[in-house]
Amino acid sequence: MVRHAREERRLTQQAFADLAGVGRRFISELENGKTTLEFDKVLKVARAAGISCSRETADADGRNGAGSIRTGVMPWA
């Protein structure tokens, strides 16, 4: 998803990283499916890519849960 959004905008990884406020290496790792615990950076990249994140208040089976962030299909590539 991130790579597709970046390529649609015809941006290099560096230009996209600058737009998102993260490092180029982080963009490369995200596009190649590397897992990360740097959720704040993932959100910055999602915003720059135009990927919306919504907070869910129910578990997958419909029970009320603590909430989770749904971002669409993973990995981000």
Protein backbone atom coordinates (compact mmCIF):
# COMPACT_ATOMS: atom_id res chain seq x y z
CA MET A 1 0.00 0.00 0.00
CA VAL A 2 2.74 2.45 0.89
CA ARG A 3 4.82 1.67 -2.18
CA HIS A 4 1.76 2.01 -4.41
CA ALA A 5 0.84 5.37 -2.88
CA ARG A 6 4.43 6.61 -3.21
CA GLU A 7 4.74 5.47 -6.82
CA GLU A 8 1.37 7.03 -7.72
CA ARG A 9 2.79 10.35 -6.54
CA ARG A 10 5.98 9.67 -8.51
CA LEU A 11 8.12 10.22 -5.43
CA THR A 12 11.45 8.64 -4.58
CA GLN A 13 11.72 6.89 -1.25
CA GLN A 14 13.73 9.86 0.02
CA ALA A 15 11.18 12.44 -1.13
CA PHE A 16 8.36 10.40 0.39
CA ALA A 17 10.28 9.94 3.64
CA ASP A 18 10.82 13.71 3.82
CA LEU A 19 7.08 14.27 3.25
CA ALA A 20 6.21 11.78 6.00
CA GLY A 21 8.87 13.00 8.41
CA VAL A 22 10.69 9.67 8.68
CA GLY A 23 13.94 8.24 7.35
CA ARG A 24 14.32 6.72 3.88
CA ARG A 25 15.44 3.42 5.38
CA PHE A 26 12.21 3.20 7.36
CA ILE A 27 10.21 3.61 4.12
CA SER A 28 12.28 0.92 2.43
CA GLU A 29 11.79 -1.49 5.32
CA LEU A 30 8.05 -0.81 5.44
CA GLU A 31 7.68 -1.35 1.70
CA ASN A 32 9.54 -4.63 1.97
CA GLY A 33 7.32 -5.95 4.77
CA LYS A 34 9.68 -5.65 7.72
CA THR A 35 7.73 -5.63 10.96
CA THR A 36 8.15 -2.61 13.18
CA LEU A 37 7.15 -1.47 16.64
CA GLU A 38 7.53 2.20 15.72
CA PHE A 39 3.81 2.79 15.44
CA ASP A 40 4.13 6.57 15.52
CA LYS A 41 6.26 6.41 12.36
CA VAL A 42 3.80 4.01 10.71
CA LEU A 43 1.00 6.52 11.35
CA LYS A 44 3.07 9.35 9.84
CA VAL A 45 3.69 7.28 6.71
CA ALA A 46 0.02 6.26 6.50
CA ARG A 47 -1.05 9.91 6.68
CA ALA A 48 1.44 10.90 3.97
CA ALA A 49 0.24 8.01 1.79
CA GLY A 50 -3.41 8.95 2.26
CA ILE A 51 -4.13 5.67 4.04
CA SER A 52 -6.85 6.16 6.63
CA CYS A 53 -6.74 4.43 9.98
CA SER A 54 -9.87 4.00 12.04
CA ARG A 55 -10.24 3.01 15.67
CA GLU A 56 -12.44 -0.02 16.13
CA THR A 57 -14.23 -0.67 19.41
CA ALA A 58 -15.24 -4.28 18.83
CA ASP A 59 -13.24 -7.46 18.40
CA ALA A 60 -13.43 -9.43 15.15
CA ASP A 61 -16.18 -11.64 16.61
CA GLY A 62 -18.26 -8.58 17.53
CA ARG A 63 -17.55 -8.50 21.27
CA ASN A 64 -16.69 -5.13 22.77
CA GLY A 65 -12.93 -4.84 23.10
CA ALA A 66 -10.32 -2.37 24.21
CA GLY A 67 -10.07 -1.14 20.64
CA SER A 68 -7.65 -1.79 17.86
CA ILE A 69 -6.28 0.08 14.89
CA ARG A 70 -7.31 -1.24 11.50
CA THR A 71 -5.17 -0.20 8.61
CA GLY A 72 -6.25 -2.48 5.79
CA VAL A 73 -4.24 -5.24 4.20
CA MET A 74 -0.79 -5.98 5.59
CA PRO A 75 2.06 -5.83 4.89
CA TRP A 76 2.34 -2.21 3.90
CA ALA A 77 4.15 -3.10 0.67
